[in-house]
């Protein structure tokens, strides 16, 4: 008979883990897009949007980390 066990609740992904992963993905994607825009000679507004998205997501990650330490 196969060994079937229920997963430990500590092993499950929480919504915080998913949010942190998505934020990191957006930070990396916006930074890479900004770099590609630099090499491609894109308009200034593209750089500003990418930079704003990167700063907002990175700031959110910092705030979430600091709040998690309390």
PDB file of N, CA and C in Angstrom:
ATOM      1  N   UNK A   1       0.843  -1.173   0.000  1.00  0.00           N
ATOM      2  CA  UNK A   1       0.000   0.000   0.000  1.00  0.00           C
ATOM      3  C   UNK A   1       0.894   1.244   0.000  1.00  0.00           C
ATOM      4  N   UNK A   2       0.643   2.194  -0.887  1.00  0.00           N
ATOM      5  CA  UNK A   2       1.490   3.377  -0.945  1.00  0.00           C
ATOM      6  C   UNK A   2       1.312   4.249   0.303  1.00  0.00           C
ATOM      7  N   UNK A   3       2.369   4.913   0.623  1.00  0.00           N
ATOM      8  CA  UNK A   3       2.366   5.784   1.785  1.00  0.00           C
ATOM      9  C   UNK A   3       1.751   7.125   1.385  1.00  0.00           C
ATOM     10  N   UNK A   4       0.544   7.378   1.822  1.00  0.00           N
ATOM     11  CA  UNK A   4      -0.121   8.646   1.514  1.00  0.00           C
ATOM     12  C   UNK A   4      -0.263   9.440   2.801  1.00  0.00           C
ATOM     13  N   UNK A   5       0.344  10.584   2.794  1.00  0.00           N
ATOM     14  CA  UNK A   5       0.235  11.455   3.965  1.00  0.00           C
ATOM     15  C   UNK A   5      -0.269  12.820   3.507  1.00  0.00           C
ATOM     16  N   UNK A   6      -0.894  13.487   4.410  1.00  0.00           N
ATOM     17  CA  UNK A   6      -1.340  14.836   4.091  1.00  0.00           C
ATOM     18  C   UNK A   6      -0.169  15.781   4.290  1.00  0.00           C
ATOM     19  N   UNK A   7      -0.084  16.809   3.450  1.00  0.00           N
ATOM     20  CA  UNK A   7       1.034  17.735   3.591  1.00  0.00           C
ATOM     21  C   UNK A   7       0.945  18.508   4.900  1.00  0.00           C
ATOM     22  N   UNK A   8       2.096  18.772   5.446  1.00  0.00           N
ATOM     23  CA  UNK A   8       2.187  19.548   6.669  1.00  0.00           C
ATOM     24  C   UNK A   8       1.772  20.987   6.363  1.00  0.00           C
ATOM     25  N   UNK A   9       0.956  21.614   7.204  1.00  0.00           N
ATOM     26  CA  UNK A   9       0.550  22.999   6.931  1.00  0.00           C
ATOM     27  C   UNK A   9       1.737  23.952   6.793  1.00  0.00           C
ATOM     28  N   UNK A  10       2.853  23.645   7.416  1.00  0.00           N
ATOM     29  CA  UNK A  10       4.032  24.508   7.306  1.00  0.00           C
ATOM     30  C   UNK A  10       4.653  24.424   5.911  1.00  0.00           C
ATOM     31  N   UNK A  11       4.367  23.340   5.167  1.00  0.00           N
ATOM     32  CA  UNK A  11       4.927  23.170   3.827  1.00  0.00           C
ATOM     33  C   UNK A  11       4.107  23.847   2.740  1.00  0.00           C
ATOM     34  N   UNK A  12       2.916  24.298   3.064  1.00  0.00           N
ATOM     35  CA  UNK A  12       2.051  24.920   2.063  1.00  0.00           C
ATOM     36  C   UNK A  12       2.473  26.351   1.801  1.00  0.00           C
ATOM     37  N   UNK A  13       2.210  26.797   0.583  1.00  0.00           N
ATOM     38  CA  UNK A  13       2.510  28.181   0.226  1.00  0.00           C
ATOM     39  C   UNK A  13       1.439  29.095   0.800  1.00  0.00           C
ATOM     40  N   UNK A  14       1.881  30.177   1.397  1.00  0.00           N
ATOM     41  CA  UNK A  14       0.932  31.168   1.892  1.00  0.00           C
ATOM     42  C   UNK A  14       0.748  32.247   0.838  1.00  0.00           C
ATOM     43  N   UNK A  15      -0.251  33.072   1.039  1.00  0.00           N
ATOM     44  CA  UNK A  15      -0.471  34.166   0.089  1.00  0.00           C
ATOM     45  C   UNK A  15       0.681  35.160   0.144  1.00  0.00           C
ATOM     46  N   UNK A  16       1.337  35.283   1.298  1.00  0.00           N
ATOM     47  CA  UNK A  16       2.501  36.155   1.411  1.00  0.00           C
ATOM     48  C   UNK A  16       3.668  35.658   0.580  1.00  0.00           C
ATOM     49  N   UNK A  17       3.858  34.338   0.555  1.00  0.00           N
ATOM     50  CA  UNK A  17       4.929  33.762  -0.266  1.00  0.00           C
ATOM     51  C   UNK A  17       4.675  34.002  -1.753  1.00  0.00           C
ATOM     52  N   UNK A  18       3.438  33.849  -2.148  1.00  0.00           N
ATOM     53  CA  UNK A  18       3.090  34.059  -3.551  1.00  0.00           C
ATOM     54  C   UNK A  18       3.266  35.526  -3.925  1.00  0.00           C
ATOM     55  N   UNK A  19       2.832  36.430  -3.052  1.00  0.00           N
ATOM     56  CA  UNK A  19       2.970  37.863  -3.325  1.00  0.00           C
ATOM     57  C   UNK A  19       4.436  38.258  -3.423  1.00  0.00           C
ATOM     58  N   UNK A  20       5.263  37.726  -2.521  1.00  0.00           N
ATOM     59  CA  UNK A  20       6.698  38.050  -2.549  1.00  0.00           C
ATOM     60  C   UNK A  20       7.333  37.548  -3.840  1.00  0.00           C
ATOM     61  N   UNK A  21       6.975  36.365  -4.265  1.00  0.00           N
ATOM     62  CA  UNK A  21       7.518  35.820  -5.505  1.00  0.00           C
ATOM     63  C   UNK A  21       7.096  36.656  -6.711  1.00  0.00           C
ATOM     64  N   UNK A  22       5.829  37.046  -6.755  1.00  0.00           N
ATOM     65  CA  UNK A  22       5.348  37.873  -7.863  1.00  0.00           C
ATOM     66  C   UNK A  22       6.019  39.243  -7.866  1.00  0.00           C
ATOM     67  N   UNK A  23       6.213  39.831  -6.689  1.00  0.00           N
ATOM     68  CA  UNK A  23       6.893  41.122  -6.616  1.00  0.00           C
ATOM     69  C   UNK A  23       8.324  41.016  -7.141  1.00  0.00           C
ATOM     70  N   UNK A  24       9.028  39.955  -6.758  1.00  0.00           N
ATOM     71  CA  UNK A  24      10.400  39.775  -7.258  1.00  0.00           C
ATOM     72  C   UNK A  24      10.415  39.582  -8.769  1.00  0.00           C
ATOM     73  N   UNK A  25       9.434  38.853  -9.281  1.00  0.00           N
ATOM     74  CA  UNK A  25       9.374  38.653 -10.730  1.00  0.00           C
ATOM     75  C   UNK A  25       9.146  39.976 -11.459  1.00  0.00           C
ATOM     76  N   UNK A  26       8.293  40.835 -10.905  1.00  0.00           N
ATOM     77  CA  UNK A  26       8.027  42.128 -11.531  1.00  0.00           C
ATOM     78  C   UNK A  26       9.258  43.027 -11.439  1.00  0.00           C
ATOM     79  N   UNK A  27       9.972  42.988 -10.300  1.00  0.00           N
ATOM     80  CA  UNK A  27      11.194  43.789 -10.156  1.00  0.00           C
ATOM     81  C   UNK A  27      12.217  43.389 -11.217  1.00  0.00           C
ATOM     82  N   UNK A  28      12.436  42.113 -11.368  1.00  0.00           N
ATOM     83  CA  UNK A  28      13.419  41.636 -12.345  1.00  0.00           C
ATOM     84  C   UNK A  28      12.967  41.964 -13.760  1.00  0.00           C
ATOM     85  N   UNK A  29      11.691  41.736 -14.056  1.00  0.00           N
ATOM     86  CA  UNK A  29      11.190  42.009 -15.412  1.00  0.00           C
ATOM     87  C   UNK A  29      11.282  43.496 -15.760  1.00  0.00           C
ATOM     88  N   UNK A  30      10.946  44.358 -14.810  1.00  0.00           N
ATOM     89  CA  UNK A  30      11.004  45.791 -15.113  1.00  0.00           C
ATOM     90  C   UNK A  30      12.441  46.277 -15.223  1.00  0.00           C
ATOM     91  N   UNK A  31      13.344  45.712 -14.444  1.00  0.00           N
ATOM     92  CA  UNK A  31      14.752  46.101 -14.560  1.00  0.00           C
ATOM     93  C   UNK A  31      15.333  45.640 -15.901  1.00  0.00           C
ATOM     94  N   UNK A  32      14.987  44.433 -16.320  1.00  0.00           N
ATOM     95  CA  UNK A  32      15.471  43.930 -17.609  1.00  0.00           C
ATOM     96  C   UNK A  32      14.864  44.741 -18.759  1.00  0.00           C
ATOM     97  N   UNK A  33      13.588  45.089 -18.637  1.00  0.00           N
ATOM     98  CA  UNK A  33      12.943  45.906 -19.663  1.00  0.00           C
ATOM     99  C   UNK A  33      13.599  47.276 -19.749  1.00  0.00           C
ATOM    100  N   UNK A  34      13.929  47.845 -18.602  1.00  0.00           N
ATOM    101  CA  UNK A  34      14.598  49.147 -18.587  1.00  0.00           C
ATOM    102  C   UNK A  34      15.972  49.056 -19.248  1.00  0.00           C
ATOM    103  N   UNK A  35      16.693  47.975 -18.977  1.00  0.00           N
ATOM    104  CA  UNK A  35      18.005  47.787 -19.592  1.00  0.00           C
ATOM    105  C   UNK A  35      17.865  47.614 -21.107  1.00  0.00           C
ATOM    106  N   UNK A  36      16.876  46.840 -21.530  1.00  0.00           N
ATOM    107  CA  UNK A  36      16.659  46.644 -22.961  1.00  0.00           C
ATOM    108  C   UNK A  36      16.251  47.956 -23.627  1.00  0.00           C
ATOM    109  N   UNK A  37      15.467  48.757 -22.932  1.00  0.00           N
ATOM    110  CA  UNK A  37      15.076  50.055 -23.476  1.00  0.00           C
ATOM    111  C   UNK A  37      16.285  50.971 -23.611  1.00  0.00           C
ATOM    112  N   UNK A  38      17.231  50.852 -22.706  1.00  0.00           N
ATOM    113  CA  UNK A  38      18.447  51.663 -22.793  1.00  0.00           C
ATOM    114  C   UNK A  38      19.257  51.292 -24.029  1.00  0.00           C
ATOM    115  N   UNK A  39      19.402  50.005 -24.277  1.00  0.00           N
ATOM    116  CA  UNK A  39      20.163  49.562 -25.438  1.00  0.00           C
ATOM    117  C   UNK A  39      19.409  49.834 -26.739  1.00  0.00           C
ATOM    118  N   UNK A  40      18.081  49.835 -26.667  1.00  0.00           N
ATOM    119  CA  UNK A  40      17.279  50.038 -27.861  1.00  0.00           C
ATOM    120  C   UNK A  40      17.011  51.493 -28.186  1.00  0.00           C
ATOM    121  N   UNK A  41      17.376  52.390 -27.294  1.00  0.00           N
ATOM    122  CA  UNK A  41      17.156  53.803 -27.553  1.00  0.00           C
ATOM    123  C   UNK A  41      15.701  54.209 -27.464  1.00  0.00           C
ATOM    124  N   UNK A  42      14.985  53.674 -26.484  1.00  0.00           N
ATOM    125  CA  UNK A  42      13.558  53.976 -26.330  1.00  0.00           C
ATOM    126  C   UNK A  42      13.358  55.389 -25.788  1.00  0.00           C
ATOM    127  N   UNK A  43      12.128  55.835 -25.841  1.00  0.00           N
ATOM    128  CA  UNK A  43      11.774  57.153 -25.323  1.00  0.00           C
ATOM    129  C   UNK A  43      11.961  57.216 -23.811  1.00  0.00           C
ATOM    130  N   UNK A  44      12.017  58.432 -23.312  1.00  0.00           N
ATOM    131  CA  UNK A  44      12.240  58.645 -21.884  1.00  0.00           C
ATOM    132  C   UNK A  44      11.096  58.098 -21.043  1.00  0.00           C
ATOM    133  N   UNK A  45       9.878  58.170 -21.523  1.00  0.00           N
ATOM    134  CA  UNK A  45       8.750  57.718 -20.727  1.00  0.00           C
ATOM    135  C   UNK A  45       8.835  56.218 -20.442  1.00  0.00           C
ATOM    136  N   UNK A  46       9.429  55.448 -21.339  1.00  0.00           N
ATOM    137  CA  UNK A  46       9.592  54.010 -21.104  1.00  0.00           C
ATOM    138  C   UNK A  46      10.518  53.780 -19.915  1.00  0.00           C
ATOM    139  N   UNK A  47      11.606  54.536 -19.855  1.00  0.00           N
ATOM    140  CA  UNK A  47      12.533  54.414 -18.732  1.00  0.00           C
ATOM    141  C   UNK A  47      11.872  54.835 -17.424  1.00  0.00           C
ATOM    142  N   UNK A  48      11.095  55.902 -17.482  1.00  0.00           N
ATOM    143  CA  UNK A  48      10.426  56.387 -16.274  1.00  0.00           C
ATOM    144  C   UNK A  48       9.410  55.384 -15.748  1.00  0.00           C
ATOM    145  N   UNK A  49       8.642  54.792 -16.633  1.00  0.00           N
ATOM    146  CA  UNK A  49       7.649  53.799 -16.209  1.00  0.00           C
ATOM    147  C   UNK A  49       8.334  52.567 -15.619  1.00  0.00           C
ATOM    148  N   UNK A  50       9.351  52.081 -16.296  1.00  0.00           N
ATOM    149  CA  UNK A  50      10.077  50.907 -15.786  1.00  0.00           C
ATOM    150  C   UNK A  50      10.730  51.201 -14.441  1.00  0.00           C
ATOM    151  N   UNK A  51      11.327  52.372 -14.323  1.00  0.00           N
ATOM    152  CA  UNK A  51      11.955  52.749 -13.068  1.00  0.00           C
ATOM    153  C   UNK A  51      10.951  52.892 -11.945  1.00  0.00           C
ATOM    154  N   UNK A  52       9.793  53.489 -12.236  1.00  0.00           N
ATOM    155  CA  UNK A  52       8.757  53.646 -11.216  1.00  0.00           C
ATOM    156  C   UNK A  52       8.235  52.291 -10.748  1.00  0.00           C
ATOM    157  N   UNK A  53       8.015  51.386 -11.679  1.00  0.00           N
ATOM    158  CA  UNK A  53       7.539  50.043 -11.316  1.00  0.00           C
ATOM    159  C   UNK A  53       8.588  49.328 -10.456  1.00  0.00           C
ATOM    160  N   UNK A  54       9.842  49.440 -10.836  1.00  0.00           N
ATOM    161  CA  UNK A  54      10.909  48.804 -10.072  1.00  0.00           C
ATOM    162  C   UNK A  54      10.975  49.365  -8.653  1.00  0.00           C
ATOM    163  N   UNK A  55      10.927  50.681  -8.533  1.00  0.00           N
ATOM    164  CA  UNK A  55      11.013  51.311  -7.207  1.00  0.00           C
ATOM    165  C   UNK A  55       9.801  50.956  -6.350  1.00  0.00           C
ATOM    166  N   UNK A  56       8.607  50.970  -6.920  1.00  0.00           N
ATOM    167  CA  UNK A  56       7.411  50.638  -6.148  1.00  0.00           C
ATOM    168  C   UNK A  56       7.434  49.190  -5.656  1.00  0.00           C
ATOM    169  N   UNK A  57       7.807  48.275  -6.516  1.00  0.00           N
ATOM    170  CA  UNK A  57       7.851  46.867  -6.114  1.00  0.00           C
ATOM    171  C   UNK A  57       8.965  46.602  -5.102  1.00  0.00           C
ATOM    172  N   UNK A  58      10.123  47.198  -5.313  1.00  0.00           N
ATOM    173  CA  UNK A  58      11.226  47.026  -4.365  1.00  0.00           C
ATOM    174  C   UNK A  58      10.869  47.645  -3.019  1.00  0.00           C
ATOM    175  N   UNK A  59      10.230  48.803  -3.043  1.00  0.00           N
ATOM    176  CA  UNK A  59       9.793  49.424  -1.792  1.00  0.00           C
ATOM    177  C   UNK A  59       8.769  48.574  -1.063  1.00  0.00           C
ATOM    178  N   UNK A  60       7.859  47.970  -1.803  1.00  0.00           N
ATOM    179  CA  UNK A  60       6.870  47.083  -1.202  1.00  0.00           C
ATOM    180  C   UNK A  60       7.546  45.868  -0.560  1.00  0.00           C
ATOM    181  N   UNK A  61       8.551  45.317  -1.231  1.00  0.00           N
ATOM    182  CA  UNK A  61       9.288  44.195  -0.655  1.00  0.00           C
ATOM    183  C   UNK A  61       9.991  44.599   0.641  1.00  0.00           C
ATOM    184  N   UNK A  62      10.571  45.783   0.674  1.00  0.00           N
ATOM    185  CA  UNK A  62      11.258  46.257   1.884  1.00  0.00           C
ATOM    186  C   UNK A  62      10.261  46.439   3.022  1.00  0.00           C
ATOM    187  N   UNK A  63       9.130  47.075   2.733  1.00  0.00           N
ATOM    188  CA  UNK A  63       8.124  47.305   3.776  1.00  0.00           C
ATOM    189  C   UNK A  63       7.592  45.985   4.312  1.00  0.00           C
ATOM    190  N   UNK A  64       7.320  45.042   3.417  1.00  0.00           N
ATOM    191  CA  UNK A  64       6.821  43.734   3.859  1.00  0.00           C
ATOM    192  C   UNK A  64       7.853  43.022   4.724  1.00  0.00           C
ATOM    193  N   UNK A  65       9.129  43.158   4.372  1.00  0.00           N
ATOM    194  CA  UNK A  65      10.186  42.525   5.158  1.00  0.00           C
ATOM    195  C   UNK A  65      10.289  43.164   6.543  1.00  0.00           C
ATOM    196  N   UNK A  66      10.238  44.483   6.586  1.00  0.00           N
ATOM    197  CA  UNK A  66      10.341  45.169   7.876  1.00  0.00           C
ATOM    198  C   UNK A  66       9.143  44.887   8.762  1.00  0.00           C
ATOM    199  N   UNK A  67       7.950  44.822   8.198  1.00  0.00           N
ATOM    200  CA  UNK A  67       6.759  44.509   8.983  1.00  0.00           C
ATOM    201  C   UNK A  67       6.781  43.058   9.472  1.00  0.00           C
ATOM    202  N   UNK A  68       7.401  42.186   8.707  1.00  0.00           N
ATOM    203  CA  UNK A  68       7.465  40.775   9.097  1.00  0.00           C
ATOM    204  C   UNK A  68       8.400  40.526  10.263  1.00  0.00           C
ATOM    205  N   UNK A  69       9.276  41.459  10.544  1.00  0.00           N
ATOM    206  CA  UNK A  69      10.218  41.290  11.657  1.00  0.00           C
ATOM    207  C   UNK A  69       9.602  41.607  13.005  1.00  0.00           C
ATOM    208  N   UNK A  70       8.480  42.279  13.017  1.00  0.00           N
ATOM    209  CA  UNK A  70       7.854  42.663  14.283  1.00  0.00           C
ATOM    210  C   UNK A  70       7.236  41.510  14.981  1.00  0.00           C
TER     211      UNK A  70
END
